[in-house]
Amino acid sequence: MNLFEGMTFMYRRLISRDDILEFARISGDHGIHHTDQSQKLLAHGLLIATLPTKLGGDLNFIAREISFEFLKGVYEGETITCIGKIEKLMEQDTRFKAELLFSCSNENGEIVLKGKTKGMIWK
């Protein structure tokens, strides 16, 4: 893959009730806002944070630092779009040092999560 500064990537995902309940099981976070099935479930912030990590995985990115800012809750049934951008890229022998920015938005275009990460991309 030919990488360059300013390059963008996108991933879109529908957040389902099953996703939220499975994340509660895996993480051990069983807060009632995530598990009370008599109401619309609120997604775990870290579940939404898996969208930018998916983009990183597509690049073979290994994070050293990650910063998240959670701006708005996400509920079951919402489709979230994550856009990542290579902000800085420095080529080395077997890898690139990289800084990425990302934002996740709901169907109304509202940013629900944004952040940045530093790490490396294997060649």
PDB file of N, CA and C in Angstrom:
ATOM      1  N   MET A   1       0.851  -1.181   0.000  1.00  0.00           N
ATOM      2  CA  MET A   1       0.000   0.000   0.000  1.00  0.00           C
ATOM      3  C   MET A   1       0.897   1.244   0.000  1.00  0.00           C
ATOM      4  N   ASN A   2       0.582   2.178  -0.848  1.00  0.00           N
ATOM      5  CA  ASN A   2       1.321   3.432  -0.933  1.00  0.00           C
ATOM      6  C   ASN A   2       0.730   4.424   0.064  1.00  0.00           C
ATOM      7  N   LEU A   3       1.444   4.695   1.136  1.00  0.00           N
ATOM      8  CA  LEU A   3       0.960   5.577   2.200  1.00  0.00           C
ATOM      9  C   LEU A   3       1.511   6.978   2.024  1.00  0.00           C
ATOM     10  N   PHE A   4       0.716   7.978   2.428  1.00  0.00           N
ATOM     11  CA  PHE A   4       1.173   9.358   2.356  1.00  0.00           C
ATOM     12  C   PHE A   4       0.417  10.204   3.375  1.00  0.00           C
ATOM     13  N   GLU A   5       1.037  11.302   3.789  1.00  0.00           N
ATOM     14  CA  GLU A   5       0.386  12.228   4.711  1.00  0.00           C
ATOM     15  C   GLU A   5      -0.859  12.797   4.051  1.00  0.00           C
ATOM     16  N   GLY A   6      -1.923  12.887   4.816  1.00  0.00           N
ATOM     17  CA  GLY A   6      -3.202  13.371   4.304  1.00  0.00           C
ATOM     18  C   GLY A   6      -4.117  12.264   3.806  1.00  0.00           C
ATOM     19  N   MET A   7      -3.592  11.049   3.679  1.00  0.00           N
ATOM     20  CA  MET A   7      -4.395   9.909   3.216  1.00  0.00           C
ATOM     21  C   MET A   7      -5.510   9.638   4.233  1.00  0.00           C
ATOM     22  N   THR A   8      -6.717   9.358   3.737  1.00  0.00           N
ATOM     23  CA  THR A   8      -7.844   9.078   4.630  1.00  0.00           C
ATOM     24  C   THR A   8      -8.383   7.675   4.395  1.00  0.00           C
ATOM     25  N   PHE A   9      -9.015   7.147   5.441  1.00  0.00           N
ATOM     26  CA  PHE A   9      -9.616   5.815   5.431  1.00  0.00           C
ATOM     27  C   PHE A   9     -10.972   5.917   6.106  1.00  0.00           C
ATOM     28  N   MET A  10     -11.899   5.045   5.727  1.00  0.00           N
ATOM     29  CA  MET A  10     -13.236   5.100   6.308  1.00  0.00           C
ATOM     30  C   MET A  10     -13.736   3.693   6.627  1.00  0.00           C
ATOM     31  N   TYR A  11     -14.511   3.606   7.704  1.00  0.00           N
ATOM     32  CA  TYR A  11     -15.190   2.365   8.085  1.00  0.00           C
ATOM     33  C   TYR A  11     -16.541   2.758   8.665  1.00  0.00           C
ATOM     34  N   ARG A  12     -17.564   2.031   8.281  1.00  0.00           N
ATOM     35  CA  ARG A  12     -18.927   2.314   8.757  1.00  0.00           C
ATOM     36  C   ARG A  12     -19.486   1.032   9.381  1.00  0.00           C
ATOM     37  N   ARG A  13     -20.191   1.211  10.504  1.00  0.00           N
ATOM     38  CA  ARG A  13     -20.746   0.042  11.186  1.00  0.00           C
ATOM     39  C   ARG A  13     -22.054   0.392  11.876  1.00  0.00           C
ATOM     40  N   LEU A  14     -23.021  -0.503  11.735  1.00  0.00           N
ATOM     41  CA  LEU A  14     -24.274  -0.424  12.488  1.00  0.00           C
ATOM     42  C   LEU A  14     -24.014  -1.026  13.861  1.00  0.00           C
ATOM     43  N   ILE A  15     -24.313  -0.279  14.917  1.00  0.00           N
ATOM     44  CA  ILE A  15     -24.126  -0.770  16.283  1.00  0.00           C
ATOM     45  C   ILE A  15     -25.429  -1.445  16.720  1.00  0.00           C
ATOM     46  N   SER A  16     -25.362  -2.732  16.923  1.00  0.00           N
ATOM     47  CA  SER A  16     -26.566  -3.511  17.247  1.00  0.00           C
ATOM     48  C   SER A  16     -26.676  -3.781  18.746  1.00  0.00           C
ATOM     49  N   ARG A  17     -27.853  -4.180  19.154  1.00  0.00           N
ATOM     50  CA  ARG A  17     -28.088  -4.614  20.537  1.00  0.00           C
ATOM     51  C   ARG A  17     -27.158  -5.776  20.872  1.00  0.00           C
ATOM     52  N   ASP A  18     -27.028  -6.718  19.946  1.00  0.00           N
ATOM     53  CA  ASP A  18     -26.145  -7.863  20.180  1.00  0.00           C
ATOM     54  C   ASP A  18     -24.700  -7.422  20.380  1.00  0.00           C
ATOM     55  N   ASP A  19     -24.242  -6.420  19.599  1.00  0.00           N
ATOM     56  CA  ASP A  19     -22.881  -5.900  19.778  1.00  0.00           C
ATOM     57  C   ASP A  19     -22.687  -5.397  21.203  1.00  0.00           C
ATOM     58  N   ILE A  20     -23.648  -4.615  21.682  1.00  0.00           N
ATOM     59  CA  ILE A  20     -23.537  -4.006  23.013  1.00  0.00           C
ATOM     60  C   ILE A  20     -23.548  -5.078  24.098  1.00  0.00           C
ATOM     61  N   LEU A  21     -24.452  -6.035  23.980  1.00  0.00           N
ATOM     62  CA  LEU A  21     -24.526  -7.100  24.988  1.00  0.00           C
ATOM     63  C   LEU A  21     -23.279  -7.978  24.965  1.00  0.00           C
ATOM     64  N   GLU A  22     -22.738  -8.249  23.781  1.00  0.00           N
ATOM     65  CA  GLU A  22     -21.518  -9.052  23.679  1.00  0.00           C
ATOM     66  C   GLU A  22     -20.325  -8.288  24.257  1.00  0.00           C
ATOM     67  N   PHE A  23     -20.264  -6.983  24.014  1.00  0.00           N
ATOM     68  CA  PHE A  23     -19.181  -6.185  24.581  1.00  0.00           C
ATOM     69  C   PHE A  23     -19.291  -6.150  26.107  1.00  0.00           C
ATOM     70  N   ALA A  24     -20.507  -6.077  26.621  1.00  0.00           N
ATOM     71  CA  ALA A  24     -20.702  -6.132  28.075  1.00  0.00           C
ATOM     72  C   ALA A  24     -20.177  -7.460  28.628  1.00  0.00           C
ATOM     73  N   ARG A  25     -20.464  -8.545  27.926  1.00  0.00           N
ATOM     74  CA  ARG A  25     -19.994  -9.860  28.369  1.00  0.00           C
ATOM     75  C   ARG A  25     -18.474  -9.922  28.353  1.00  0.00           C
ATOM     76  N   ILE A  26     -17.866  -9.465  27.257  1.00  0.00           N
ATOM     77  CA  ILE A  26     -16.416  -9.555  27.113  1.00  0.00           C
ATOM     78  C   ILE A  26     -15.699  -8.615  28.084  1.00  0.00           C
ATOM     79  N   SER A  27     -16.189  -7.403  28.232  1.00  0.00           N
ATOM     80  CA  SER A  27     -15.508  -6.397  29.049  1.00  0.00           C
ATOM     81  C   SER A  27     -15.811  -6.527  30.540  1.00  0.00           C
ATOM     82  N   GLY A  28     -16.957  -7.149  30.856  1.00  0.00           N
ATOM     83  CA  GLY A  28     -17.374  -7.219  32.251  1.00  0.00           C
ATOM     84  C   GLY A  28     -18.106  -5.969  32.719  1.00  0.00           C
ATOM     85  N   ASP A  29     -18.312  -5.006  31.823  1.00  0.00           N
ATOM     86  CA  ASP A  29     -19.029  -3.770  32.158  1.00  0.00           C
ATOM     87  C   ASP A  29     -20.518  -4.017  31.916  1.00  0.00           C
ATOM     88  N   HIS A  30     -21.234  -4.302  33.006  1.00  0.00           N
ATOM     89  CA  HIS A  30     -22.659  -4.635  32.926  1.00  0.00           C
ATOM     90  C   HIS A  30     -23.536  -3.512  33.472  1.00  0.00           C
ATOM     91  N   GLY A  31     -23.080  -2.264  33.309  1.00  0.00           N
ATOM     92  CA  GLY A  31     -23.904  -1.131  33.736  1.00  0.00           C
ATOM     93  C   GLY A  31     -25.293  -1.239  33.131  1.00  0.00           C
ATOM     94  N   ILE A  32     -26.323  -0.852  33.898  1.00  0.00           N
ATOM     95  CA  ILE A  32     -27.700  -1.053  33.422  1.00  0.00           C
ATOM     96  C   ILE A  32     -27.989  -0.290  32.138  1.00  0.00           C
ATOM     97  N   HIS A  33     -27.296   0.821  31.906  1.00  0.00           N
ATOM     98  CA  HIS A  33     -27.493   1.577  30.665  1.00  0.00           C
ATOM     99  C   HIS A  33     -26.996   0.791  29.449  1.00  0.00           C
ATOM    100  N   HIS A  34     -26.161  -0.240  29.686  1.00  0.00           N
ATOM    101  CA  HIS A  34     -25.674  -1.107  28.617  1.00  0.00           C
ATOM    102  C   HIS A  34     -26.454  -2.420  28.522  1.00  0.00           C
ATOM    103  N   THR A  35     -27.192  -2.789  29.575  1.00  0.00           N
ATOM    104  CA  THR A  35     -27.743  -4.152  29.623  1.00  0.00           C
ATOM    105  C   THR A  35     -29.233  -4.257  29.916  1.00  0.00           C
ATOM    106  N   ASP A  36     -29.887  -3.185  30.350  1.00  0.00           N
ATOM    107  CA  ASP A  36     -31.315  -3.251  30.669  1.00  0.00           C
ATOM    108  C   ASP A  36     -32.112  -3.307  29.365  1.00  0.00           C
ATOM    109  N   GLN A  37     -32.522  -4.513  29.008  1.00  0.00           N
ATOM    110  CA  GLN A  37     -33.142  -4.720  27.707  1.00  0.00           C
ATOM    111  C   GLN A  37     -34.568  -4.196  27.602  1.00  0.00           C
ATOM    112  N   SER A  38     -35.076  -3.590  28.673  1.00  0.00           N
ATOM    113  CA  SER A  38     -36.399  -2.961  28.592  1.00  0.00           C
ATOM    114  C   SER A  38     -36.300  -1.550  28.002  1.00  0.00           C
ATOM    115  N   GLN A  39     -35.076  -1.111  27.724  1.00  0.00           N
ATOM    116  CA  GLN A  39     -34.870   0.224  27.154  1.00  0.00           C
ATOM    117  C   GLN A  39     -33.866   0.125  26.004  1.00  0.00           C
ATOM    118  N   LYS A  40     -33.731   1.206  25.249  1.00  0.00           N
ATOM    119  CA  LYS A  40     -32.727   1.271  24.194  1.00  0.00           C
ATOM    120  C   LYS A  40     -31.355   1.297  24.859  1.00  0.00           C
ATOM    121  N   LEU A  41     -30.446   0.448  24.400  1.00  0.00           N
ATOM    122  CA  LEU A  41     -29.146   0.299  25.055  1.00  0.00           C
ATOM    123  C   LEU A  41     -28.144   1.346  24.574  1.00  0.00           C
ATOM    124  N   LEU A  42     -27.382   1.877  25.525  1.00  0.00           N
ATOM    125  CA  LEU A  42     -26.293   2.792  25.247  1.00  0.00           C
ATOM    126  C   LEU A  42     -25.031   1.965  25.007  1.00  0.00           C
ATOM    127  N   ALA A  43     -24.353   2.219  23.886  1.00  0.00           N
ATOM    128  CA  ALA A  43     -23.108   1.502  23.583  1.00  0.00           C
ATOM    129  C   ALA A  43     -22.000   1.957  24.525  1.00  0.00           C
ATOM    130  N   HIS A  44     -21.124   1.046  24.870  1.00  0.00           N
ATOM    131  CA  HIS A  44     -19.926   1.366  25.641  1.00  0.00           C
ATOM    132  C   HIS A  44     -19.057   2.287  24.784  1.00  0.00           C
ATOM    133  N   GLY A  45     -18.453   3.281  25.412  1.00  0.00           N
ATOM    134  CA  GLY A  45     -17.543   4.149  24.673  1.00  0.00           C
ATOM    135  C   GLY A  45     -16.428   3.374  24.001  1.00  0.00           C
ATOM    136  N   LEU A  46     -15.891   2.387  24.711  1.00  0.00           N
ATOM    137  CA  LEU A  46     -14.796   1.613  24.128  1.00  0.00           C
ATOM    138  C   LEU A  46     -15.263   0.698  23.004  1.00  0.00           C
ATOM    139  N   LEU A  47     -16.540   0.365  22.957  1.00  0.00           N
ATOM    140  CA  LEU A  47     -17.067  -0.353  21.791  1.00  0.00           C
ATOM    141  C   LEU A  47     -16.982   0.547  20.561  1.00  0.00           C
ATOM    142  N   ILE A  48     -17.357   1.803  20.711  1.00  0.00           N
ATOM    143  CA  ILE A  48     -17.261   2.743  19.592  1.00  0.00           C
ATOM    144  C   ILE A  48     -15.798   2.973  19.230  1.00  0.00           C
ATOM    145  N   ALA A  49     -14.926   2.934  20.214  1.00  0.00           N
ATOM    146  CA  ALA A  49     -13.492   3.110  19.958  1.00  0.00           C
ATOM    147  C   ALA A  49     -12.885   1.958  19.173  1.00  0.00           C
ATOM    148  N   THR A  50     -13.618   0.861  18.998  1.00  0.00           N
ATOM    149  CA  THR A  50     -13.096  -0.216  18.157  1.00  0.00           C
ATOM    150  C   THR A  50     -13.142   0.157  16.680  1.00  0.00           C
ATOM    151  N   LEU A  51     -13.913   1.166  16.296  1.00  0.00           N
ATOM    152  CA  LEU A  51     -13.957   1.562  14.889  1.00  0.00           C
ATOM    153  C   LEU A  51     -12.612   2.134  14.427  1.00  0.00           C
ATOM    154  N   PRO A  52     -12.022   3.104  15.150  1.00  0.00           N
ATOM    155  CA  PRO A  52     -10.695   3.551  14.709  1.00  0.00           C
ATOM    156  C   PRO A  52      -9.634   2.463  14.849  1.00  0.00           C
ATOM    157  N   THR A  53      -9.777   1.552  15.798  1.00  0.00           N
ATOM    158  CA  THR A  53      -8.785   0.478  15.898  1.00  0.00           C
ATOM    159  C   THR A  53      -8.897  -0.458  14.709  1.00  0.00           C
ATOM    160  N   LYS A  54     -10.099  -0.610  14.142  1.00  0.00           N
ATOM    161  CA  LYS A  54     -10.268  -1.402  12.922  1.00  0.00           C
ATOM    162  C   LYS A  54      -9.508  -0.747  11.773  1.00  0.00           C
ATOM    163  N   LEU A  55      -9.600   0.590  11.662  1.00  0.00           N
ATOM    164  CA  LEU A  55      -8.849   1.289  10.619  1.00  0.00           C
ATOM    165  C   LEU A  55      -7.350   1.063  10.800  1.00  0.00           C
ATOM    166  N   GLY A  56      -6.881   1.143  12.043  1.00  0.00           N
ATOM    167  CA  GLY A  56      -5.468   0.888  12.320  1.00  0.00           C
ATOM    168  C   GLY A  56      -5.059  -0.518  11.922  1.00  0.00           C
ATOM    169  N   GLY A  57      -5.916  -1.482  12.198  1.00  0.00           N
ATOM    170  CA  GLY A  57      -5.631  -2.868  11.817  1.00  0.00           C
ATOM    171  C   GLY A  57      -5.491  -3.027  10.315  1.00  0.00           C
ATOM    172  N   ASP A  58      -6.290  -2.297   9.556  1.00  0.00           N
ATOM    173  CA  ASP A  58      -6.197  -2.351   8.093  1.00  0.00           C
ATOM    174  C   ASP A  58      -4.843  -1.851   7.595  1.00  0.00           C
ATOM    175  N   LEU A  59      -4.199  -0.982   8.378  1.00  0.00           N
ATOM    176  CA  LEU A  59      -2.896  -0.412   8.004  1.00  0.00           C
ATOM    177  C   LEU A  59      -1.718  -1.177   8.601  1.00  0.00           C
ATOM    178  N   ASN A  60      -1.991  -2.217   9.402  1.00  0.00           N
ATOM    179  CA  ASN A  60      -0.947  -2.887  10.181  1.00  0.00           C
ATOM    180  C   ASN A  60      -0.279  -1.912  11.142  1.00  0.00           C
ATOM    181  N   PHE A  61      -1.100  -1.032  11.709  1.00  0.00           N
ATOM    182  CA  PHE A  61      -0.649   0.002  12.635  1.00  0.00           C
ATOM    183  C   PHE A  61      -0.555  -0.588  14.035  1.00  0.00           C
ATOM    184  N   ILE A  62       0.548  -0.293  14.706  1.00  0.00           N
ATOM    185  CA  ILE A  62       0.727  -0.693  16.101  1.00  0.00           C
ATOM    186  C   ILE A  62       0.782   0.591  16.923  1.00  0.00           C
ATOM    187  N   ALA A  63      -0.224   0.780  17.764  1.00  0.00           N
ATOM    188  CA  ALA A  63      -0.339   2.017  18.545  1.00  0.00           C
ATOM    189  C   ALA A  63       0.613   2.012  19.730  1.00  0.00           C
ATOM    190  N   ARG A  64       1.176   3.170  19.989  1.00  0.00           N
ATOM    191  CA  ARG A  64       1.965   3.390  21.210  1.00  0.00           C
ATOM    192  C   ARG A  64       1.213   4.310  22.149  1.00  0.00           C
ATOM    193  N   GLU A  65       0.437   5.215  21.588  1.00  0.00           N
ATOM    194  CA  GLU A  65      -0.384   6.145  22.368  1.00  0.00           C
ATOM    195  C   GLU A  65      -1.717   6.301  21.654  1.00  0.00           C
ATOM    196  N   ILE A  66      -2.788   6.395  22.439  1.00  0.00           N
ATOM    197  CA  ILE A  66      -4.109   6.671  21.871  1.00  0.00           C
ATOM    198  C   ILE A  66      -4.826   7.640  22.809  1.00  0.00           C
ATOM    199  N   SER A  67      -5.458   8.626  22.227  1.00  0.00           N
ATOM    200  CA  SER A  67      -6.239   9.591  22.989  1.00  0.00           C
ATOM    201  C   SER A  67      -7.645   9.628  22.406  1.00  0.00           C
ATOM    202  N   PHE A  68      -8.650   9.425  23.246  1.00  0.00           N
ATOM    203  CA  PHE A  68     -10.054   9.460  22.834  1.00  0.00           C
ATOM    204  C   PHE A  68     -10.772  10.601  23.540  1.00  0.00           C
ATOM    205  N   GLU A  69     -11.651  11.266  22.821  1.00  0.00           N
ATOM    206  CA  GLU A  69     -12.562  12.224  23.430  1.00  0.00           C
ATOM    207  C   GLU A  69     -13.975  11.783  23.042  1.00  0.00           C
ATOM    208  N   PHE A  70     -14.748  11.375  24.039  1.00  0.00           N
ATOM    209  CA  PHE A  70     -16.110  10.898  23.828  1.00  0.00           C
ATOM    210  C   PHE A  70     -17.052  12.090  23.927  1.00  0.00           C
ATOM    211  N   LEU A  71     -17.753  12.397  22.852  1.00  0.00           N
ATOM    212  CA  LEU A  71     -18.535  13.622  22.764  1.00  0.00           C
ATOM    213  C   LEU A  71     -20.034  13.418  22.870  1.00  0.00           C
ATOM    214  N   LYS A  72     -20.528  12.255  22.479  1.00  0.00           N
ATOM    215  CA  LYS A  72     -21.974  12.018  22.456  1.00  0.00           C
ATOM    216  C   LYS A  72     -22.214  10.519  22.550  1.00  0.00           C
ATOM    217  N   GLY A  73     -23.251  10.126  23.257  1.00  0.00           N
ATOM    218  CA  GLY A  73     -23.587   8.717  23.380  1.00  0.00           C
ATOM    219  C   GLY A  73     -24.064   8.124  22.059  1.00  0.00           C
ATOM    220  N   VAL A  74     -23.847   6.829  21.928  1.00  0.00           N
ATOM    221  CA  VAL A  74     -24.302   6.069  20.759  1.00  0.00           C
ATOM    222  C   VAL A  74     -25.228   4.970  21.263  1.00  0.00           C
ATOM    223  N   TYR A  75     -26.393   4.858  20.646  1.00  0.00           N
ATOM    224  CA  TYR A  75     -27.393   3.867  21.046  1.00  0.00           C
ATOM    225  C   TYR A  75     -27.542   2.791  19.982  1.00  0.00           C
ATOM    226  N   GLU A  76     -28.039   1.656  20.423  1.00  0.00           N
ATOM    227  CA  GLU A  76     -28.280   0.558  19.483  1.00  0.00           C
ATOM    228  C   GLU A  76     -29.083   1.059  18.288  1.00  0.00           C
ATOM    229  N   GLY A  77     -28.762   0.529  17.132  1.00  0.00           N
ATOM    230  CA  GLY A  77     -29.458   0.905  15.909  1.00  0.00           C
ATOM    231  C   GLY A  77     -28.831   2.064  15.155  1.00  0.00           C
ATOM    232  N   GLU A  78     -27.841   2.728  15.749  1.00  0.00           N
ATOM    233  CA  GLU A  78     -27.181   3.837  15.067  1.00  0.00           C
ATOM    234  C   GLU A  78     -26.046   3.314  14.191  1.00  0.00           C
ATOM    235  N   THR A  79     -25.898   3.924  13.029  1.00  0.00           N
ATOM    236  CA  THR A  79     -24.769   3.620  12.155  1.00  0.00           C
ATOM    237  C   THR A  79     -23.716   4.696  12.370  1.00  0.00           C
ATOM    238  N   ILE A  80     -22.505   4.253  12.664  1.00  0.00           N
ATOM    239  CA  ILE A  80     -21.402   5.159  12.957  1.00  0.00           C
ATOM    240  C   ILE A  80     -20.362   5.050  11.838  1.00  0.00           C
ATOM    241  N   THR A  81     -19.911   6.193  11.366  1.00  0.00           N
ATOM    242  CA  THR A  81     -18.875   6.261  10.340  1.00  0.00           C
ATOM    243  C   THR A  81     -17.604   6.812  10.969  1.00  0.00           C
ATOM    244  N   CYS A  82     -16.523   6.086  10.783  1.00  0.00           N
ATOM    245  CA  CYS A  82     -15.226   6.504  11.315  1.00  0.00           C
ATOM    246  C   CYS A  82     -14.315   6.872  10.145  1.00  0.00           C
ATOM    247  N   ILE A  83     -13.721   8.039  10.239  1.00  0.00           N
ATOM    248  CA  ILE A  83     -12.767   8.482   9.230  1.00  0.00           C
ATOM    249  C   ILE A  83     -11.426   8.709   9.917  1.00  0.00           C
ATOM    250  N   GLY A  84     -10.403   8.078   9.376  1.00  0.00           N
ATOM    251  CA  GLY A  84      -9.045   8.243   9.879  1.00  0.00           C
ATOM    252  C   GLY A  84      -8.201   8.954   8.845  1.00  0.00           C
ATOM    253  N   LYS A  85      -7.208   9.690   9.324  1.00  0.00           N
ATOM    254  CA  LYS A  85      -6.331  10.441   8.437  1.00  0.00           C
ATOM    255  C   LYS A  85      -4.896  10.306   8.921  1.00  0.00           C
ATOM    256  N   ILE A  86      -3.987  10.039   7.989  1.00  0.00           N
ATOM    257  CA  ILE A  86      -2.568  10.023   8.331  1.00  0.00           C
ATOM    258  C   ILE A  86      -2.113  11.478   8.426  1.00  0.00           C
ATOM    259  N   GLU A  87      -1.817  11.903   9.636  1.00  0.00           N
ATOM    260  CA  GLU A  87      -1.413  13.287   9.885  1.00  0.00           C
ATOM    261  C   GLU A  87       0.085  13.471   9.655  1.00  0.00           C
ATOM    262  N   LYS A  88       0.895  12.520  10.150  1.00  0.00           N
ATOM    263  CA  LYS A  88       2.356  12.571   9.985  1.00  0.00           C
ATOM    264  C   LYS A  88       2.837  11.177   9.630  1.00  0.00           C
ATOM    265  N   LEU A  89       3.843  11.119   8.796  1.00  0.00           N
ATOM    266  CA  LEU A  89       4.396   9.839   8.360  1.00  0.00           C
ATOM    267  C   LEU A  89       5.894  10.020   8.142  1.00  0.00           C
ATOM    268  N   MET A  90       6.695   9.198   8.827  1.00  0.00           N
ATOM    269  CA  MET A  90       8.138   9.268   8.674  1.00  0.00           C
ATOM    270  C   MET A  90       8.657   7.860   8.378  1.00  0.00           C
ATOM    271  N   GLU A  91       9.229   7.695   7.203  1.00  0.00           N
ATOM    272  CA  GLU A  91       9.709   6.373   6.782  1.00  0.00           C
ATOM    273  C   GLU A  91      11.000   6.023   7.503  1.00  0.00           C
ATOM    274  N   GLN A  92      11.061   4.756   7.962  1.00  0.00           N
ATOM    275  CA  GLN A  92      12.264   4.190   8.550  1.00  0.00           C
ATOM    276  C   GLN A  92      12.572   2.897   7.804  1.00  0.00           C
ATOM    277  N   ASP A  93      13.576   2.149   8.233  1.00  0.00           N
ATOM    278  CA  ASP A  93      13.992   0.950   7.508  1.00  0.00           C
ATOM    279  C   ASP A  93      12.866  -0.057   7.293  1.00  0.00           C
ATOM    280  N   THR A  94      12.251  -0.511   8.368  1.00  0.00           N
ATOM    281  CA  THR A  94      11.262  -1.589   8.263  1.00  0.00           C
ATOM    282  C   THR A  94       9.843  -1.145   8.585  1.00  0.00           C
ATOM    283  N   ARG A  95       9.690   0.167   8.823  1.00  0.00           N
ATOM    284  CA  ARG A  95       8.374   0.646   9.237  1.00  0.00           C
ATOM    285  C   ARG A  95       8.264   2.149   8.976  1.00  0.00           C
ATOM    286  N   PHE A  96       7.074   2.661   9.235  1.00  0.00           N
ATOM    287  CA  PHE A  96       6.817   4.092   9.221  1.00  0.00           C
ATOM    288  C   PHE A  96       6.433   4.500  10.640  1.00  0.00           C
ATOM    289  N   LYS A  97       6.978   5.576  11.146  1.00  0.00           N
ATOM    290  CA  LYS A  97       6.424   6.200  12.346  1.00  0.00           C
ATOM    291  C   LYS A  97       5.240   7.014  11.852  1.00  0.00           C
ATOM    292  N   ALA A  98       4.122   6.941  12.573  1.00  0.00           N
ATOM    293  CA  ALA A  98       2.917   7.594  12.072  1.00  0.00           C
ATOM    294  C   ALA A  98       2.110   8.213  13.200  1.00  0.00           C
ATOM    295  N   GLU A  99       1.428   9.287  12.843  1.00  0.00           N
ATOM    296  CA  GLU A  99       0.423   9.891  13.712  1.00  0.00           C
ATOM    297  C   GLU A  99      -0.871   9.948  12.915  1.00  0.00           C
ATOM    298  N   LEU A 100      -1.937   9.446  13.507  1.00  0.00           N
ATOM    299  CA  LEU A 100      -3.236   9.399  12.855  1.00  0.00           C
ATOM    300  C   LEU A 100      -4.253  10.196  13.656  1.00  0.00           C
ATOM    301  N   LEU A 101      -5.147  10.853  12.969  1.00  0.00           N
ATOM    302  CA  LEU A 101      -6.305  11.504  13.578  1.00  0.00           C
ATOM    303  C   LEU A 101      -7.531  10.724  13.145  1.00  0.00           C
ATOM    304  N   PHE A 102      -8.566  10.709  13.986  1.00  0.00           N
ATOM    305  CA  PHE A 102      -9.794  10.022  13.602  1.00  0.00           C
ATOM    306  C   PHE A 102     -10.993  10.704  14.231  1.00  0.00           C
ATOM    307  N   SER A 103     -12.127  10.526  13.567  1.00  0.00           N
ATOM    308  CA  SER A 103     -13.401  10.985  14.141  1.00  0.00           C
ATOM    309  C   SER A 103     -14.481  10.003  13.739  1.00  0.00           C
ATOM    310  N   CYS A 104     -15.429   9.817  14.633  1.00  0.00           N
ATOM    311  CA  CYS A 104     -16.571   8.944  14.401  1.00  0.00           C
ATOM    312  C   CYS A 104     -17.833   9.788  14.494  1.00  0.00           C
ATOM    313  N   SER A 105     -18.699   9.650  13.503  1.00  0.00           N
ATOM    314  CA  SER A 105     -19.923  10.449  13.435  1.00  0.00           C
ATOM    315  C   SER A 105     -21.137   9.562  13.309  1.00  0.00           C
ATOM    316  N   ASN A 106     -22.260  10.062  13.828  1.00  0.00           N
ATOM    317  CA  ASN A 106     -23.515   9.331  13.686  1.00  0.00           C
ATOM    318  C   ASN A 106     -24.182   9.705  12.367  1.00  0.00           C
ATOM    319  N   GLU A 107     -25.367   9.152  12.138  1.00  0.00           N
ATOM    320  CA  GLU A 107     -26.082   9.368  10.876  1.00  0.00           C
ATOM    321  C   GLU A 107     -26.471  10.828  10.653  1.00  0.00           C
ATOM    322  N   ASN A 108     -26.529  11.622  11.718  1.00  0.00           N
ATOM    323  CA  ASN A 108     -26.862  13.044  11.614  1.00  0.00           C
ATOM    324  C   ASN A 108     -25.631  13.913  11.392  1.00  0.00           C
ATOM    325  N   GLY A 109     -24.463  13.278  11.258  1.00  0.00           N
ATOM    326  CA  GLY A 109     -23.227  14.016  11.061  1.00  0.00           C
ATOM    327  C   GLY A 109     -22.623  14.571  12.339  1.00  0.00           C
ATOM    328  N   GLU A 110     -23.190  14.191  13.489  1.00  0.00           N
ATOM    329  CA  GLU A 110     -22.658  14.652  14.776  1.00  0.00           C
ATOM    330  C   GLU A 110     -21.453  13.799  15.168  1.00  0.00           C
ATOM    331  N   ILE A 111     -20.365  14.448  15.562  1.00  0.00           N
ATOM    332  CA  ILE A 111     -19.180  13.708  15.988  1.00  0.00           C
ATOM    333  C   ILE A 111     -19.442  13.143  17.373  1.00  0.00           C
ATOM    334  N   VAL A 112     -19.304  11.829  17.499  1.00  0.00           N
ATOM    335  CA  VAL A 112     -19.538  11.154  18.774  1.00  0.00           C
ATOM    336  C   VAL A 112     -18.227  10.804  19.475  1.00  0.00           C
ATOM    337  N   LEU A 113     -17.151  10.718  18.701  1.00  0.00           N
ATOM    338  CA  LEU A 113     -15.847  10.344  19.232  1.00  0.00           C
ATOM    339  C   LEU A 113     -14.790  10.932  18.313  1.00  0.00           C
ATOM    340  N   LYS A 114     -13.739  11.477  18.915  1.00  0.00           N
ATOM    341  CA  LYS A 114     -12.600  11.901  18.102  1.00  0.00           C
ATOM    342  C   LYS A 114     -11.336  11.611  18.887  1.00  0.00           C
ATOM    343  N   GLY A 115     -10.236  11.571  18.171  1.00  0.00           N
ATOM    344  CA  GLY A 115      -8.994  11.301  18.861  1.00  0.00           C
ATOM    345  C   GLY A 115      -7.805  11.269  17.940  1.00  0.00           C
ATOM    346  N   LYS A 116      -6.697  10.827  18.522  1.00  0.00           N
ATOM    347  CA  LYS A 116      -5.451  10.730  17.779  1.00  0.00           C
ATOM    348  C   LYS A 116      -4.640   9.580  18.344  1.00  0.00           C
ATOM    349  N   THR A 117      -3.718   9.129  17.535  1.00  0.00           N
ATOM    350  CA  THR A 117      -2.868   8.023  17.956  1.00  0.00           C
ATOM    351  C   THR A 117      -1.493   8.162  17.315  1.00  0.00           C
ATOM    352  N   LYS A 118      -0.492   7.672  18.017  1.00  0.00           N
ATOM    353  CA  LYS A 118       0.881   7.637  17.516  1.00  0.00           C
ATOM    354  C   LYS A 118       1.350   6.187  17.582  1.00  0.00           C
ATOM    355  N   GLY A 119       2.143   5.805  16.605  1.00  0.00           N
ATOM    356  CA  GLY A 119       2.667   4.456  16.597  1.00  0.00           C
ATOM    357  C   GLY A 119       3.465   4.197  15.339  1.00  0.00           C
ATOM    358  N   MET A 120       3.394   2.948  14.879  1.00  0.00           N
ATOM    359  CA  MET A 120       4.158   2.582  13.686  1.00  0.00           C
ATOM    360  C   MET A 120       3.341   1.695  12.777  1.00  0.00           C
ATOM    361  N   ILE A 121       3.713   1.734  11.522  1.00  0.00           N
ATOM    362  CA  ILE A 121       3.086   0.895  10.502  1.00  0.00           C
ATOM    363  C   ILE A 121       4.201   0.039   9.905  1.00  0.00           C
ATOM    364  N   TRP A 122       4.015  -1.272   9.963  1.00  0.00           N
ATOM    365  CA  TRP A 122       4.993  -2.188   9.352  1.00  0.00           C
ATOM    366  C   TRP A 122       4.930  -2.065   7.852  1.00  0.00           C
ATOM    367  N   LYS A 123       6.066  -2.117   7.213  1.00  0.00           N
ATOM    368  CA  LYS A 123       6.137  -2.097   5.735  1.00  0.00           C
ATOM    369  C   LYS A 123       5.768  -3.453   5.192  1.00  0.00           C
TER     370      LYS A 123
END
